[in-house]
Protein backbone atom coordinates (compact mmCIF):
# COMPACT_ATOMS: atom_id res chain seq x y z
CA UNK A 1 90.33 92.76 82.36
CA UNK A 2 88.71 89.41 82.97
CA UNK A 3 91.18 88.43 85.65
CA UNK A 4 90.72 91.70 87.51
CA UNK A 5 87.82 90.53 89.66
CA UNK A 6 90.00 87.76 91.02
CA UNK A 7 92.78 90.25 91.75
CA UNK A 8 90.29 92.60 93.38
CA UNK A 9 88.91 89.89 95.63
CA UNK A 10 92.35 88.75 96.75
CA UNK A 11 93.47 92.31 97.45
CA UNK A 12 90.38 93.14 99.47
CA UNK A 13 90.91 90.04 101.61
CA UNK A 14 94.58 90.83 102.07
CA UNK A 15 93.93 94.48 102.85
CA UNK A 16 91.28 93.61 105.43
CA UNK A 17 94.03 91.96 107.44
CA UNK A 18 96.02 95.14 107.56
CA UNK A 19 93.88 98.27 107.63
CA UNK A 20 92.80 97.78 111.24
CA UNK A 21 96.26 97.69 112.74
CA UNK A 22 96.38 101.06 114.41
CA UNK A 23 93.96 101.09 117.31
CA UNK A 24 95.27 102.82 120.45
CA UNK A 25 97.22 100.48 122.66
CA UNK A 26 97.90 100.59 126.38
CA UNK A 27 100.30 97.66 126.48
CA UNK A 28 104.00 98.42 126.85
CA UNK A 29 105.53 94.96 126.58
CA UNK A 30 108.40 94.83 124.13
CA UNK A 31 107.43 91.41 122.79
CA UNK A 32 104.08 92.42 121.29
CA UNK A 33 104.19 96.17 120.70
CA UNK A 34 107.41 96.76 118.78
CA UNK A 35 105.58 97.72 115.60
CA UNK A 36 102.77 99.54 117.41
CA UNK A 37 104.95 101.69 119.63
CA UNK A 38 104.55 105.45 119.46
CA UNK A 39 108.28 105.92 120.00
CA UNK A 40 110.53 106.21 116.96
CA UNK A 41 113.98 104.70 116.65
CA UNK A 42 116.10 103.08 114.02
CA UNK A 43 116.09 99.87 116.05
CA UNK A 44 112.30 99.75 115.73
CA UNK A 45 112.52 100.26 111.98
CA UNK A 46 114.94 97.37 111.75
CA UNK A 47 112.68 95.15 113.84
CA UNK A 48 109.61 95.98 111.75
CA UNK A 49 111.54 95.44 108.52
CA UNK A 50 112.62 91.98 109.63
CA UNK A 51 109.04 91.01 110.45
CA UNK A 52 107.69 92.46 107.21
CA UNK A 53 110.27 90.73 105.01
CA UNK A 54 112.72 88.36 106.74
CA UNK A 55 114.56 87.78 103.48
CA UNK A 56 115.22 91.41 102.58
CA UNK A 57 115.31 92.77 106.13
CA UNK A 58 116.17 96.41 106.78
CA UNK A 59 116.85 98.37 103.58
CA UNK A 60 117.55 102.10 103.61
CA UNK A 61 119.92 102.90 100.71
CA UNK A 62 119.51 106.68 101.15
CA UNK A 63 120.07 106.49 104.93
CA UNK A 64 116.87 108.50 105.50
CA UNK A 65 116.50 107.06 108.99
CA UNK A 66 119.73 108.81 109.98
CA UNK A 67 118.58 112.26 108.82
CA UNK A 68 117.22 115.21 110.75
CA UNK A 69 114.32 116.65 108.75
CA UNK A 70 113.49 120.32 109.42
CA UNK A 71 115.71 120.34 112.53
CA UNK A 72 113.11 118.37 114.51
CA UNK A 73 115.46 115.58 115.55
CA UNK A 74 115.99 112.03 114.39
CA UNK A 75 113.03 110.58 116.32
CA UNK A 76 110.65 113.01 114.63
CA UNK A 77 112.21 112.22 111.26
CA UNK A 78 111.67 108.48 111.69
CA UNK A 79 108.11 109.08 112.91
CA UNK A 80 107.47 111.15 109.77
CA UNK A 81 108.90 108.42 107.54
CA UNK A 82 106.80 105.72 109.19
CA UNK A 83 103.63 107.81 108.95
CA UNK A 84 104.35 108.63 105.31
CA UNK A 85 104.86 105.03 104.27
CA UNK A 86 101.73 103.82 106.01
CA UNK A 87 99.58 106.63 104.61
CA UNK A 88 100.88 106.30 101.06
CA UNK A 89 100.49 102.54 101.26
CA UNK A 90 96.83 102.97 102.17
CA UNK A 91 96.33 105.45 99.34
CA UNK A 92 97.97 103.02 96.94
CA UNK A 93 95.65 100.21 98.06
CA UNK A 94 92.65 102.45 97.41
CA UNK A 95 94.12 103.41 94.04
CA UNK A 96 94.87 99.83 93.01
CA UNK A 97 91.41 98.57 93.89
CA UNK A 98 89.85 101.70 92.40
CA UNK A 99 91.71 101.20 89.13
CA UNK A 100 90.38 97.65 88.80
CA UNK A 101 86.83 98.66 89.68
CA UNK A 102 86.88 101.68 87.32
CA UNK A 103 88.11 99.44 84.51
CA UNK A 104 84.99 97.30 84.82
CA UNK A 105 82.22 99.30 86.45
CA UNK A 106 80.98 102.85 86.91
CA UNK A 107 78.02 104.13 88.89
CA UNK A 108 74.75 103.80 86.92
CA UNK A 109 73.22 107.00 88.28
CA UNK A 110 73.82 110.56 87.11
CA UNK A 111 77.16 112.16 87.98
CA UNK A 112 75.94 115.76 87.95
CA UNK A 113 72.75 117.64 88.86
CA UNK A 114 72.33 118.31 85.14
CA UNK A 115 72.00 114.56 84.59
CA UNK A 116 75.35 113.84 82.92
CA UNK A 117 76.37 110.18 83.33
CA UNK A 118 79.63 108.98 84.77
CA UNK A 119 82.42 108.43 82.21
CA UNK A 120 82.11 105.10 80.44
CA UNK A 121 83.99 102.04 81.70
CA UNK A 122 85.20 101.67 78.10
CA UNK A 123 87.63 104.49 78.92
CA UNK A 124 90.76 103.85 80.93
CA UNK A 125 90.61 105.06 84.55
CA UNK A 126 93.00 107.87 83.61
CA UNK A 127 90.72 108.99 80.76
CA UNK A 128 87.71 108.72 83.06
CA UNK A 129 89.38 111.15 85.44
CA UNK A 130 90.01 113.58 82.58
CA UNK A 131 86.31 113.41 81.69
CA UNK A 132 85.17 114.39 85.19
CA UNK A 133 83.95 118.03 85.42
CA UNK A 134 86.37 120.49 86.99
CA UNK A 135 83.97 121.23 89.85
CA UNK A 136 83.83 117.55 90.78
CA UNK A 137 87.61 117.36 90.86
CA UNK A 138 87.78 120.34 93.22
CA UNK A 139 85.24 118.67 95.50
CA UNK A 140 87.41 115.56 95.67
CA UNK A 141 90.52 117.58 96.45
CA UNK A 142 88.62 119.60 99.07
CA UNK A 143 87.64 116.44 100.95
CA UNK A 144 91.20 115.10 100.74
CA UNK A 145 92.55 118.42 102.06
CA UNK A 146 90.08 118.40 104.96
CA UNK A 147 91.11 114.87 105.93
CA UNK A 148 94.78 115.85 105.74
CA UNK A 149 94.23 118.88 107.97
CA UNK A 150 92.32 116.77 110.50
CA UNK A 151 95.22 114.33 110.60
CA UNK A 152 97.80 117.10 111.00
CA UNK A 153 95.94 118.74 113.89
CA UNK A 154 95.34 115.42 115.65
CA UNK A 155 91.58 115.68 115.44
CA UNK A 156 91.52 119.08 117.08
CA UNK A 157 94.14 118.16 119.67
CA UNK A 158 92.64 114.80 120.64
CA UNK A 159 95.91 113.11 119.63
CA UNK A 160 99.47 114.46 119.48
CA UNK A 161 101.11 115.03 116.11
CA UNK A 162 102.58 111.88 114.55
CA UNK A 163 106.08 113.33 114.95
CA UNK A 164 105.46 113.99 118.65
CA UNK A 165 104.34 110.67 120.05
CA UNK A 166 101.30 109.49 118.13
CA UNK A 167 101.42 105.92 116.87
CA UNK A 168 102.35 105.99 113.16
CA UNK A 169 99.28 105.40 111.02
CA UNK A 170 96.77 106.16 113.79
CA UNK A 171 94.17 108.47 112.28
CA UNK A 172 92.41 110.69 114.84
CA UNK A 173 88.71 110.15 115.57
CA UNK A 174 86.07 112.67 114.51
CA UNK A 175 84.83 113.11 118.08
CA UNK A 176 85.19 116.90 118.17
CA UNK A 177 83.58 117.35 114.76
CA UNK A 178 80.83 114.85 115.56
CA UNK A 179 79.94 116.49 118.85
CA UNK A 180 79.96 120.07 117.58
CA UNK A 181 79.23 120.10 113.85
CA UNK A 182 77.74 116.99 112.27
CA UNK A 183 77.57 113.26 112.85
CA UNK A 184 80.23 111.32 110.98
CA UNK A 185 81.72 107.88 111.52
CA UNK A 186 85.39 107.49 112.40
CA UNK A 187 87.63 106.16 109.64
CA UNK A 188 89.15 103.51 111.87
CA UNK A 189 86.84 100.89 113.38
CA UNK A 190 83.65 103.02 113.14
CA UNK A 191 81.49 100.35 114.79
CA UNK A 192 83.92 99.32 117.53
CA UNK A 193 84.43 95.78 116.29
CA UNK A 194 88.16 95.79 117.08
CA UNK A 195 88.21 97.42 120.50
CA UNK A 196 89.09 94.13 122.20
CA UNK A 197 91.68 93.05 119.64
CA UNK A 198 94.85 91.62 121.16
CA UNK A 199 98.19 93.37 120.76
CA UNK A 200 99.59 90.36 118.90
CA UNK A 201 96.77 90.58 116.34
CA UNK A 202 97.26 94.32 115.93
CA UNK A 203 100.95 93.88 115.27
CA UNK A 204 100.35 91.06 112.80
CA UNK A 205 97.87 93.21 110.91
CA UNK A 206 100.28 96.14 110.93
CA UNK A 207 102.92 94.03 109.21
CA UNK A 208 100.29 92.81 106.72
CA UNK A 209 99.25 96.37 105.99
CA UNK A 210 102.83 97.48 105.39
CA UNK A 211 103.39 94.66 102.93
CA UNK A 212 100.04 95.16 101.19
CA UNK A 213 100.72 98.88 100.89
CA UNK A 214 104.15 98.36 99.38
CA UNK A 215 102.76 95.83 96.90
CA UNK A 216 99.89 98.19 96.00
CA UNK A 217 102.34 101.03 95.31
CA UNK A 218 104.14 98.81 92.81
CA UNK A 219 100.80 97.62 91.42
CA UNK A 220 99.24 101.01 90.71
CA UNK A 221 102.40 102.33 89.13
CA UNK A 222 102.53 99.16 87.04
CA UNK A 223 99.07 99.96 85.69
CA UNK A 224 99.99 103.59 85.01
CA UNK A 225 103.21 102.64 83.24
CA UNK A 226 101.48 99.98 81.15
CA UNK A 227 98.89 102.49 79.95
CA UNK A 228 101.25 105.40 79.27
CA UNK A 229 104.39 103.57 78.07
CA UNK A 230 103.36 100.71 75.74
CA UNK A 231 105.29 97.52 76.43
CA UNK A 232 106.84 98.76 79.67
CA UNK A 233 105.03 96.10 81.72
CA UNK A 234 104.87 92.96 79.52
CA UNK A 235 102.56 91.16 81.95
CA UNK A 236 99.89 93.82 81.37
CA UNK A 237 100.26 94.17 77.59
CA UNK A 238 96.97 92.37 76.88
CA UNK A 239 94.87 94.48 79.23
CA UNK A 240 96.53 97.88 79.14
CA UNK A 241 94.48 100.71 77.61
CA UNK A 242 96.78 103.24 75.90
CA UNK A 243 96.59 106.72 77.42
CA UNK A 244 98.37 109.75 75.98
CA UNK A 245 97.66 112.24 78.76
CA UNK A 246 99.78 113.27 81.74
CA UNK A 247 98.91 111.12 84.75
CA UNK A 248 100.84 113.44 87.05
CA UNK A 249 98.87 116.50 85.93
CA UNK A 250 95.38 116.00 87.43
CA UNK A 251 93.95 119.22 85.95
CA UNK A 252 95.42 118.82 82.49
CA UNK A 253 93.63 121.07 80.01
CA UNK A 254 91.46 122.58 82.77
CA UNK A 255 93.75 124.35 85.20
CA UNK A 256 97.47 124.98 85.55
CA UNK A 257 99.60 126.85 88.06
CA UNK A 258 101.92 127.72 85.20
CA UNK A 259 99.41 129.30 82.87
CA UNK A 260 100.10 128.38 79.28
CA UNK A 261 103.45 126.73 79.99
């Protein structure tokens, strides 16, 4: 993947314009806070869509923005949808960059206390995951679960739930955990570099993050398809590494909810 370093560099630059878009905002002017507003309405979705892609505009073929999920009301439904897209876009950006890095480089130090090395970069990222010990996989999922719970509880009540007024994409700080358990940096702006960022800049970065996240979702699935379905992504034919496993079964051969099925 000789071209991958170029792709990685461009994605990192692009992502850096978007991942800092969700600092708390006190401004209420409609001209600069449409995308940052904590309220949720279809009109806001349409406005954000137009800014993110003026050519395509608002596109909701399944009419999800008109639904009422779990009987919580339409506003809560839209807030959930906005939060979901932002979060999954961020995960996809991590995955896309991680795939490129894993295809070219692995940590040189031991992976386990027993001294086992990290899986070779000669393996595809999917095969590298399969080669990770089961205990390591559970550690990764444990950290992910803890971060999810912290988000759902608003950092111990510091912020409201994202369906009840929190700005979509705003991850709660670790203040409560830091003050009572152990020091840890916040995920967003840990060093306070963006505390004086203007509302216009925040909104511009939000739109960038949405677009980068959507592109990354297509990108990572492009890699997965190219590796698991030969010829499915012609552009990647020369760099795809065939993989015969199940990418949607993270514990394949090690653990299954369905026993031997």
